[in-house]
C-alpha atoms as a PDB file:
ATOM      1  CA  UNK A   1     206.843  97.905 158.710  1.00  0.00           C
ATOM      2  CA  UNK A   2     207.193  94.344 160.126  1.00  0.00           C
ATOM      3  CA  UNK A   3     209.277  91.766 158.045  1.00  0.00           C
ATOM      4  CA  UNK A   4     207.572  88.547 158.097  1.00  0.00           C
ATOM      5  CA  UNK A   5     208.595  84.872 157.314  1.00  0.00           C
ATOM      6  CA  UNK A   6     207.494  82.697 154.557  1.00  0.00           C
ATOM      7  CA  UNK A   7     206.316  85.626 152.318  1.00  0.00           C
ATOM      8  CA  UNK A   8     207.279  83.686 149.134  1.00  0.00           C
ATOM      9  CA  UNK A   9     204.619  80.891 149.987  1.00  0.00           C
ATOM     10  CA  UNK A  10     202.163  82.894 151.491  1.00  0.00           C
ATOM     11  CA  UNK A  11     199.695  84.611 149.155  1.00  0.00           C
ATOM     12  CA  UNK A  12     199.285  88.018 149.246  1.00  0.00           C
ATOM     13  CA  UNK A  13     195.678  88.930 150.096  1.00  0.00           C
ATOM     14  CA  UNK A  14     196.239  92.497 149.855  1.00  0.00           C
ATOM     15  CA  UNK A  15     195.918  93.020 153.567  1.00  0.00           C
ATOM     16  CA  UNK A  16     196.766  96.687 154.452  1.00  0.00           C
ATOM     17  CA  UNK A  17     199.863  96.743 156.430  1.00  0.00           C
ATOM     18  CA  UNK A  18     200.516 101.316 156.158  1.00  0.00           C
ATOM     19  CA  UNK A  19     199.221 102.899 159.583  1.00  0.00           C
ATOM     20  CA  UNK A  20     197.134 104.958 159.505  1.00  0.00           C
ATOM     21  CA  UNK A  21     194.522 102.757 157.819  1.00  0.00           C
ATOM     22  CA  UNK A  22     190.730 103.110 157.571  1.00  0.00           C
ATOM     23  CA  UNK A  23     190.181  99.428 156.648  1.00  0.00           C
ATOM     24  CA  UNK A  24     192.147  96.552 157.870  1.00  0.00           C
ATOM     25  CA  UNK A  25     191.764  97.767 160.760  1.00  0.00           C
ATOM     26  CA  UNK A  26     192.197  95.953 164.360  1.00  0.00           C
ATOM     27  CA  UNK A  27     190.845  97.280 167.740  1.00  0.00           C
ATOM     28  CA  UNK A  28     192.187  95.189 170.475  1.00  0.00           C
ATOM     29  CA  UNK A  29     190.642  95.298 174.394  1.00  0.00           C
ATOM     30  CA  UNK A  30     192.505  95.798 177.387  1.00  0.00           C
ATOM     31  CA  UNK A  31     190.687  94.346 180.539  1.00  0.00           C
ATOM     32  CA  UNK A  32     193.211  95.171 182.954  1.00  0.00           C
ATOM     33  CA  UNK A  33     196.780  94.091 181.763  1.00  0.00           C
ATOM     34  CA  UNK A  34     199.935  94.853 183.363  1.00  0.00           C
ATOM     35  CA  UNK A  35     202.513  97.263 181.841  1.00  0.00           C
ATOM     36  CA  UNK A  36     204.621  93.998 181.467  1.00  0.00           C
ATOM     37  CA  UNK A  37     202.181  92.368 179.744  1.00  0.00           C
ATOM     38  CA  UNK A  38     200.833  95.073 177.662  1.00  0.00           C
ATOM     39  CA  UNK A  39     204.701  96.406 176.348  1.00  0.00           C
ATOM     40  CA  UNK A  40     205.470  92.226 175.662  1.00  0.00           C
ATOM     41  CA  UNK A  41     202.024  92.088 173.251  1.00  0.00           C
ATOM     42  CA  UNK A  42     202.758  95.452 171.294  1.00  0.00           C
ATOM     43  CA  UNK A  43     206.353  94.294 171.188  1.00  0.00           C
ATOM     44  CA  UNK A  44     205.386  91.235 169.484  1.00  0.00           C
ATOM     45  CA  UNK A  45     202.228  92.549 167.197  1.00  0.00           C
ATOM     46  CA  UNK A  46     201.925  96.240 167.373  1.00  0.00           C
ATOM     47  CA  UNK A  47     201.966  96.614 163.375  1.00  0.00           C
ATOM     48  CA  UNK A  48     198.548  94.568 163.483  1.00  0.00           C
ATOM     49  CA  UNK A  49     197.102  96.682 166.021  1.00  0.00           C
ATOM     50  CA  UNK A  50     195.251 100.365 165.411  1.00  0.00           C
ATOM     51  CA  UNK A  51     193.474 101.002 168.796  1.00  0.00           C
ATOM     52  CA  UNK A  52     192.876  99.667 171.624  1.00  0.00           C
ATOM     53  CA  UNK A  53     189.650 100.223 174.181  1.00  0.00           C
ATOM     54  CA  UNK A  54     189.933 100.771 177.970  1.00  0.00           C
ATOM     55  CA  UNK A  55     187.574  98.664 178.515  1.00  0.00           C
ATOM     56  CA  UNK A  56     184.264  99.529 181.055  1.00  0.00           C
ATOM     57  CA  UNK A  57     185.266 101.661 183.983  1.00  0.00           C
ATOM     58  CA  UNK A  58     188.786 100.235 184.481  1.00  0.00           C
ATOM     59  CA  UNK A  59     190.308 103.956 183.500  1.00  0.00           C
ATOM     60  CA  UNK A  60     188.801 104.993 186.715  1.00  0.00           C
ATOM     61  CA  UNK A  61     190.068 102.125 188.986  1.00  0.00           C
ATOM     62  CA  UNK A  62     193.659 102.392 187.860  1.00  0.00           C
ATOM     63  CA  UNK A  63     196.473 104.635 189.969  1.00  0.00           C
ATOM     64  CA  UNK A  64     196.080 107.821 187.454  1.00  0.00           C
ATOM     65  CA  UNK A  65     200.140 107.593 187.242  1.00  0.00           C
ATOM     66  CA  UNK A  66     199.598 103.862 185.955  1.00  0.00           C
ATOM     67  CA  UNK A  67     196.812 105.014 183.636  1.00  0.00           C
ATOM     68  CA  UNK A  68     199.104 107.788 181.960  1.00  0.00           C
ATOM     69  CA  UNK A  69     201.755 104.870 181.621  1.00  0.00           C
ATOM     70  CA  UNK A  70     199.360 102.687 179.995  1.00  0.00           C
ATOM     71  CA  UNK A  71     198.029 105.481 177.467  1.00  0.00           C
ATOM     72  CA  UNK A  72     202.039 106.438 176.798  1.00  0.00           C
ATOM     73  CA  UNK A  73     203.079 102.761 176.200  1.00  0.00           C
ATOM     74  CA  UNK A  74     200.160 102.552 173.389  1.00  0.00           C
ATOM     75  CA  UNK A  75     200.939 105.665 172.081  1.00  0.00           C
ATOM     76  CA  UNK A  76     204.581 104.896 171.402  1.00  0.00           C
ATOM     77  CA  UNK A  77     203.574 101.822 169.665  1.00  0.00           C
ATOM     78  CA  UNK A  78     201.615 103.986 166.922  1.00  0.00           C
ATOM     79  CA  UNK A  79     198.418 102.321 168.763  1.00  0.00           C
ATOM     80  CA  UNK A  80     195.370 104.831 169.961  1.00  0.00           C
ATOM     81  CA  UNK A  81     193.525 104.151 173.013  1.00  0.00           C
ATOM     82  CA  UNK A  82     190.399 105.053 173.358  1.00  0.00           C
ATOM     83  CA  UNK A  83     187.668 104.592 176.542  1.00  0.00           C
ATOM     84  CA  UNK A  84     185.087 102.055 176.067  1.00  0.00           C
ATOM     85  CA  UNK A  85     181.257 102.711 176.050  1.00  0.00           C
ATOM     86  CA  UNK A  86     179.919 101.595 178.943  1.00  0.00           C
ATOM     87  CA  UNK A  87     181.897 104.066 181.221  1.00  0.00           C
ATOM     88  CA  UNK A  88     179.978 106.659 179.426  1.00  0.00           C
ATOM     89  CA  UNK A  89     176.452 104.744 180.073  1.00  0.00           C
ATOM     90  CA  UNK A  90     176.899 104.755 183.784  1.00  0.00           C
ATOM     91  CA  UNK A  91     178.191 108.242 183.691  1.00  0.00           C
ATOM     92  CA  UNK A  92     175.424 109.574 181.541  1.00  0.00           C
ATOM     93  CA  UNK A  93     172.572 107.489 183.374  1.00  0.00           C
ATOM     94  CA  UNK A  94     173.928 108.936 186.836  1.00  0.00           C
ATOM     95  CA  UNK A  95     174.691 112.683 185.917  1.00  0.00           C
ATOM     96  CA  UNK A  96     173.275 113.185 182.662  1.00  0.00           C
ATOM     97  CA  UNK A  97     174.768 115.644 179.976  1.00  0.00           C
ATOM     98  CA  UNK A  98     176.976 117.565 182.741  1.00  0.00           C
ATOM     99  CA  UNK A  99     178.493 114.647 184.069  1.00  0.00           C
ATOM    100  CA  UNK A 100     179.173 113.384 180.304  1.00  0.00           C
ATOM    101  CA  UNK A 101     180.657 117.170 179.878  1.00  0.00           C
ATOM    102  CA  UNK A 102     183.047 116.296 182.720  1.00  0.00           C
ATOM    103  CA  UNK A 103     183.756 113.081 181.578  1.00  0.00           C
ATOM    104  CA  UNK A 104     185.307 113.952 178.233  1.00  0.00           C
ATOM    105  CA  UNK A 105     186.827 116.868 179.644  1.00  0.00           C
ATOM    106  CA  UNK A 106     189.219 114.582 181.755  1.00  0.00           C
ATOM    107  CA  UNK A 107     189.736 112.116 179.027  1.00  0.00           C
ATOM    108  CA  UNK A 108     191.204 115.128 177.111  1.00  0.00           C
ATOM    109  CA  UNK A 109     193.354 116.024 180.011  1.00  0.00           C
ATOM    110  CA  UNK A 110     194.661 112.419 180.357  1.00  0.00           C
ATOM    111  CA  UNK A 111     195.726 112.776 176.549  1.00  0.00           C
ATOM    112  CA  UNK A 112     192.768 110.772 175.302  1.00  0.00           C
ATOM    113  CA  UNK A 113     191.833 111.153 171.858  1.00  0.00           C
ATOM    114  CA  UNK A 114     188.652 109.151 171.471  1.00  0.00           C
ATOM    115  CA  UNK A 115     185.638 107.855 173.416  1.00  0.00           C
ATOM    116  CA  UNK A 116     182.927 105.273 172.674  1.00  0.00           C
ATOM    117  CA  UNK A 117     179.108 106.493 172.623  1.00  0.00           C
ATOM    118  CA  UNK A 118     176.854 103.236 172.912  1.00  0.00           C
ATOM    119  CA  UNK A 119     173.884 102.361 174.838  1.00  0.00           C
ATOM    120  CA  UNK A 120     174.227  98.714 174.376  1.00  0.00           C
ATOM    121  CA  UNK A 121     174.129  97.808 178.168  1.00  0.00           C
ATOM    122  CA  UNK A 122     171.979 100.772 179.973  1.00  0.00           C
ATOM    123  CA  UNK A 123     169.979 102.175 177.075  1.00  0.00           C
ATOM    124  CA  UNK A 124     170.147 105.684 176.230  1.00  0.00           C
ATOM    125  CA  UNK A 125     167.724 107.280 173.396  1.00  0.00           C
ATOM    126  CA  UNK A 126     169.582 107.910 169.969  1.00  0.00           C
ATOM    127  CA  UNK A 127     168.924 111.767 170.377  1.00  0.00           C
ATOM    128  CA  UNK A 128     170.753 111.751 173.525  1.00  0.00           C
ATOM    129  CA  UNK A 129     173.643 109.502 172.029  1.00  0.00           C
ATOM    130  CA  UNK A 130     173.833 112.138 168.936  1.00  0.00           C
ATOM    131  CA  UNK A 131     174.066 114.891 171.592  1.00  0.00           C
ATOM    132  CA  UNK A 132     176.865 113.291 173.610  1.00  0.00           C
ATOM    133  CA  UNK A 133     178.615 113.050 170.045  1.00  0.00           C
ATOM    134  CA  UNK A 134     178.546 116.560 169.671  1.00  0.00           C
ATOM    135  CA  UNK A 135     179.766 117.483 172.674  1.00  0.00           C
ATOM    136  CA  UNK A 136     182.851 115.281 172.530  1.00  0.00           C
ATOM    137  CA  UNK A 137     183.593 116.343 169.039  1.00  0.00           C
ATOM    138  CA  UNK A 138     183.666 120.329 170.247  1.00  0.00           C
ATOM    139  CA  UNK A 139     186.178 119.333 172.697  1.00  0.00           C
ATOM    140  CA  UNK A 140     188.134 117.676 169.830  1.00  0.00           C
ATOM    141  CA  UNK A 141     187.551 114.056 170.770  1.00  0.00           C
ATOM    142  CA  UNK A 142     187.111 111.600 168.090  1.00  0.00           C
ATOM    143  CA  UNK A 143     183.926 109.035 168.384  1.00  0.00           C
ATOM    144  CA  UNK A 144     183.436 105.805 167.938  1.00  0.00           C
ATOM    145  CA  UNK A 145     179.640 105.147 168.001  1.00  0.00           C
ATOM    146  CA  UNK A 146     178.257 101.861 168.758  1.00  0.00           C
ATOM    147  CA  UNK A 147     175.052 100.714 167.528  1.00  0.00           C
ATOM    148  CA  UNK A 148     172.893  97.293 168.801  1.00  0.00           C
ATOM    149  CA  UNK A 149     172.155  95.922 172.255  1.00  0.00           C
ATOM    150  CA  UNK A 150     173.702  92.958 174.260  1.00  0.00           C
ATOM    151  CA  UNK A 151     170.757  91.953 175.356  1.00  0.00           C
ATOM    152  CA  UNK A 152     167.907  91.627 172.864  1.00  0.00           C
ATOM    153  CA  UNK A 153     168.143  91.653 168.950  1.00  0.00           C
ATOM    154  CA  UNK A 154     167.811  94.928 166.873  1.00  0.00           C
ATOM    155  CA  UNK A 155     166.217  95.325 163.497  1.00  0.00           C
ATOM    156  CA  UNK A 156     168.474  95.705 160.819  1.00  0.00           C
ATOM    157  CA  UNK A 157     166.872  98.637 159.617  1.00  0.00           C
ATOM    158  CA  UNK A 158     167.248 100.109 162.782  1.00  0.00           C
ATOM    159  CA  UNK A 159     170.664  99.314 163.396  1.00  0.00           C
ATOM    160  CA  UNK A 160     171.317 101.116 160.094  1.00  0.00           C
ATOM    161  CA  UNK A 161     169.515 104.151 160.608  1.00  0.00           C
ATOM    162  CA  UNK A 162     171.598 104.297 164.186  1.00  0.00           C
ATOM    163  CA  UNK A 163     174.734 104.032 162.313  1.00  0.00           C
ATOM    164  CA  UNK A 164     173.825 106.915 159.940  1.00  0.00           C
ATOM    165  CA  UNK A 165     172.710 108.732 162.632  1.00  0.00           C
ATOM    166  CA  UNK A 166     176.197 108.633 164.390  1.00  0.00           C
ATOM    167  CA  UNK A 167     177.627 109.406 161.110  1.00  0.00           C
ATOM    168  CA  UNK A 168     175.794 112.637 160.801  1.00  0.00           C
ATOM    169  CA  UNK A 169     176.674 113.706 164.277  1.00  0.00           C
ATOM    170  CA  UNK A 170     180.040 113.399 163.489  1.00  0.00           C
ATOM    171  CA  UNK A 171     181.458 109.946 164.745  1.00  0.00           C
ATOM    172  CA  UNK A 172     184.458 108.891 162.683  1.00  0.00           C
ATOM    173  CA  UNK A 173     183.554 105.129 163.349  1.00  0.00           C
ATOM    174  CA  UNK A 174     180.849 102.842 163.919  1.00  0.00           C
ATOM    175  CA  UNK A 175     180.803  99.781 166.002  1.00  0.00           C
ATOM    176  CA  UNK A 176     178.587  96.963 165.379  1.00  0.00           C
ATOM    177  CA  UNK A 177     177.240  95.116 168.887  1.00  0.00           C
ATOM    178  CA  UNK A 178     179.031  91.654 168.698  1.00  0.00           C
ATOM    179  CA  UNK A 179     175.509  90.365 170.096  1.00  0.00           C
ATOM    180  CA  UNK A 180     173.923  91.561 167.021  1.00  0.00           C
ATOM    181  CA  UNK A 181     175.980  89.443 164.870  1.00  0.00           C
ATOM    182  CA  UNK A 182     175.715  86.100 165.955  1.00  0.00           C
ATOM    183  CA  UNK A 183     172.005  84.545 166.124  1.00  0.00           C
ATOM    184  CA  UNK A 184     171.070  81.372 167.446  1.00  0.00           C
ATOM    185  CA  UNK A 185     174.569  79.181 166.638  1.00  0.00           C
ATOM    186  CA  UNK A 186     175.256  81.022 163.561  1.00  0.00           C
ATOM    187  CA  UNK A 187     176.694  84.547 161.587  1.00  0.00           C
ATOM    188  CA  UNK A 188     173.841  86.787 161.099  1.00  0.00           C
ATOM    189  CA  UNK A 189     174.332  86.952 157.317  1.00  0.00           C
ATOM    190  CA  UNK A 190     171.176  88.766 156.524  1.00  0.00           C
ATOM    191  CA  UNK A 191     172.374  91.651 158.788  1.00  0.00           C
ATOM    192  CA  UNK A 192     175.683  91.693 157.506  1.00  0.00           C
ATOM    193  CA  UNK A 193     174.622  91.889 153.846  1.00  0.00           C
ATOM    194  CA  UNK A 194     172.191  94.889 154.944  1.00  0.00           C
ATOM    195  CA  UNK A 195     175.641  96.735 156.236  1.00  0.00           C
ATOM    196  CA  UNK A 196     177.758  95.755 152.973  1.00  0.00           C
ATOM    197  CA  UNK A 197     174.784  97.343 151.110  1.00  0.00           C
ATOM    198  CA  UNK A 198     174.138 100.196 153.033  1.00  0.00           C
ATOM    199  CA  UNK A 199     177.131 101.284 154.748  1.00  0.00           C
ATOM    200  CA  UNK A 200     181.042 102.246 153.752  1.00  0.00           C
ATOM    201  CA  UNK A 201     182.856  99.341 155.424  1.00  0.00           C
ATOM    202  CA  UNK A 202     185.599 101.732 156.245  1.00  0.00           C
ATOM    203  CA  UNK A 203     183.523 103.460 158.498  1.00  0.00           C
ATOM    204  CA  UNK A 204     182.215 100.383 160.155  1.00  0.00           C
ATOM    205  CA  UNK A 205     183.849  98.241 163.178  1.00  0.00           C
ATOM    206  CA  UNK A 206     182.509  94.441 163.466  1.00  0.00           C
ATOM    207  CA  UNK A 207     182.910  93.844 167.281  1.00  0.00           C
ATOM    208  CA  UNK A 208     183.165  90.477 168.558  1.00  0.00           C
ATOM    209  CA  UNK A 209     181.826  88.950 171.271  1.00  0.00           C
ATOM    210  CA  UNK A 210     182.898  87.783 174.374  1.00  0.00           C
ATOM    211  CA  UNK A 211     181.863  85.924 178.126  1.00  0.00           C
ATOM    212  CA  UNK A 212     180.412  89.483 179.123  1.00  0.00           C
ATOM    213  CA  UNK A 213     177.711  88.458 176.679  1.00  0.00           C
ATOM    214  CA  UNK A 214     175.269  86.065 177.925  1.00  0.00           C
ATOM    215  CA  UNK A 215     175.343  82.757 175.950  1.00  0.00           C
ATOM    216  CA  UNK A 216     178.677  83.694 174.100  1.00  0.00           C
ATOM    217  CA  UNK A 217     180.656  80.520 173.886  1.00  0.00           C
ATOM    218  CA  UNK A 218     184.349  80.833 172.631  1.00  0.00           C
ATOM    219  CA  UNK A 219     183.731  78.429 169.482  1.00  0.00           C
ATOM    220  CA  UNK A 220     181.086  81.234 168.271  1.00  0.00           C
ATOM    221  CA  UNK A 221     183.718  84.068 168.505  1.00  0.00           C
ATOM    222  CA  UNK A 222     185.730  81.775 166.427  1.00  0.00           C
ATOM    223  CA  UNK A 223     183.351  81.020 163.954  1.00  0.00           C
ATOM    224  CA  UNK A 224     182.408  85.026 163.507  1.00  0.00           C
ATOM    225  CA  UNK A 225     186.051  85.914 162.994  1.00  0.00           C
ATOM    226  CA  UNK A 226     186.020  83.730 160.220  1.00  0.00           C
ATOM    227  CA  UNK A 227     182.822  84.565 158.688  1.00  0.00           C
ATOM    228  CA  UNK A 228     183.701  88.311 158.745  1.00  0.00           C
ATOM    229  CA  UNK A 229     186.698  87.488 157.321  1.00  0.00           C
ATOM    230  CA  UNK A 230     185.396  85.399 154.553  1.00  0.00           C
ATOM    231  CA  UNK A 231     182.393  87.882 153.973  1.00  0.00           C
ATOM    232  CA  UNK A 232     184.402  91.255 153.337  1.00  0.00           C
ATOM    233  CA  UNK A 233     188.004  90.227 152.921  1.00  0.00           C
ATOM    234  CA  UNK A 234     191.275  90.848 154.700  1.00  0.00           C
ATOM    235  CA  UNK A 235     190.713  94.488 155.356  1.00  0.00           C
ATOM    236  CA  UNK A 236     187.390  93.954 157.517  1.00  0.00           C
ATOM    237  CA  UNK A 237     187.734  96.181 160.468  1.00  0.00           C
ATOM    238  CA  UNK A 238     187.752  93.919 163.706  1.00  0.00           C
ATOM    239  CA  UNK A 239     187.126  94.794 167.226  1.00  0.00           C
ATOM    240  CA  UNK A 240     187.250  93.695 171.033  1.00  0.00           C
ATOM    241  CA  UNK A 241     190.024  91.637 169.894  1.00  0.00           C
ATOM    242  CA  UNK A 242     191.653  90.017 172.974  1.00  0.00           C
ATOM    243  CA  UNK A 243     195.699  90.973 172.877  1.00  0.00           C
ATOM    244  CA  UNK A 244     196.542  87.501 173.700  1.00  0.00           C
ATOM    245  CA  UNK A 245     194.679  86.353 170.421  1.00  0.00           C
ATOM    246  CA  UNK A 246     195.683  88.820 167.726  1.00  0.00           C
ATOM    247  CA  UNK A 247     198.239  86.858 165.842  1.00  0.00           C
ATOM    248  CA  UNK A 248     196.161  83.798 165.655  1.00  0.00           C
ATOM    249  CA  UNK A 249     193.228  86.927 164.205  1.00  0.00           C
ATOM    250  CA  UNK A 250     195.617  87.862 162.138  1.00  0.00           C
ATOM    251  CA  UNK A 251     196.349  84.638 160.525  1.00  0.00           C
ATOM    252  CA  UNK A 252     192.210  84.939 159.012  1.00  0.00           C
ATOM    253  CA  UNK A 253     193.290  88.023 157.267  1.00  0.00           C
ATOM    254  CA  UNK A 254     195.843  85.982 155.298  1.00  0.00           C
ATOM    255  CA  UNK A 255     193.738  82.886 154.867  1.00  0.00           C
ATOM    256  CA  UNK A 256     196.072  80.825 156.849  1.00  0.00           C
ATOM    257  CA  UNK A 257     193.517  80.697 160.103  1.00  0.00           C
ATOM    258  CA  UNK A 258     191.408  77.016 160.623  1.00  0.00           C
END
């Protein structure tokens, strides 16, 4: 447990600090950090981090011994690493279910406990994604099911139906694609209200966008982060947080962010 300063003057927002936790989770994004940078960030802020996404296909680019060290370093700091969804989208597009099975098997061999199933960049039909969830679960993997699209908005009811399909198939958590959460320069409040009314918030990660999403600006990411904490409270689950912004992100959970 982290020991913070100024606790006598900072109001308790009810932010959950005990791991493992179902609410108040933060999933960071690792876009190619060195072991040294990774260790420095974890030494400073691991208490606030629950999971780390190994972005896109970077897990296939590292020397395998280096990758194993990265995975171990996360686990040693009580942070669960998982593979980002585009990697599986690429594998499935190229090799369908046989390729996906080999992908899941190697993830297990490496000691990776969770994978993301998505169709946000390379379209994969919902029934195929459901089958991918089931195949991953058969191998003992936890599954993050991502809903939405990076390229075109999806109706709220369609997204909620996707989320329910993932959960029924055995996904542990649903991730809402960041591009769905910010429309026309403002947070998508109507959709967020639909999510709040239709799904358990502890089952949902709200993903922040980034420069990889066309037309996304840093001020929009900051505005969305603030909006989500104000709308859903200090224990909203947030994903795609760059490690270098983890402390700043935490200030919004404590009503200290500008």
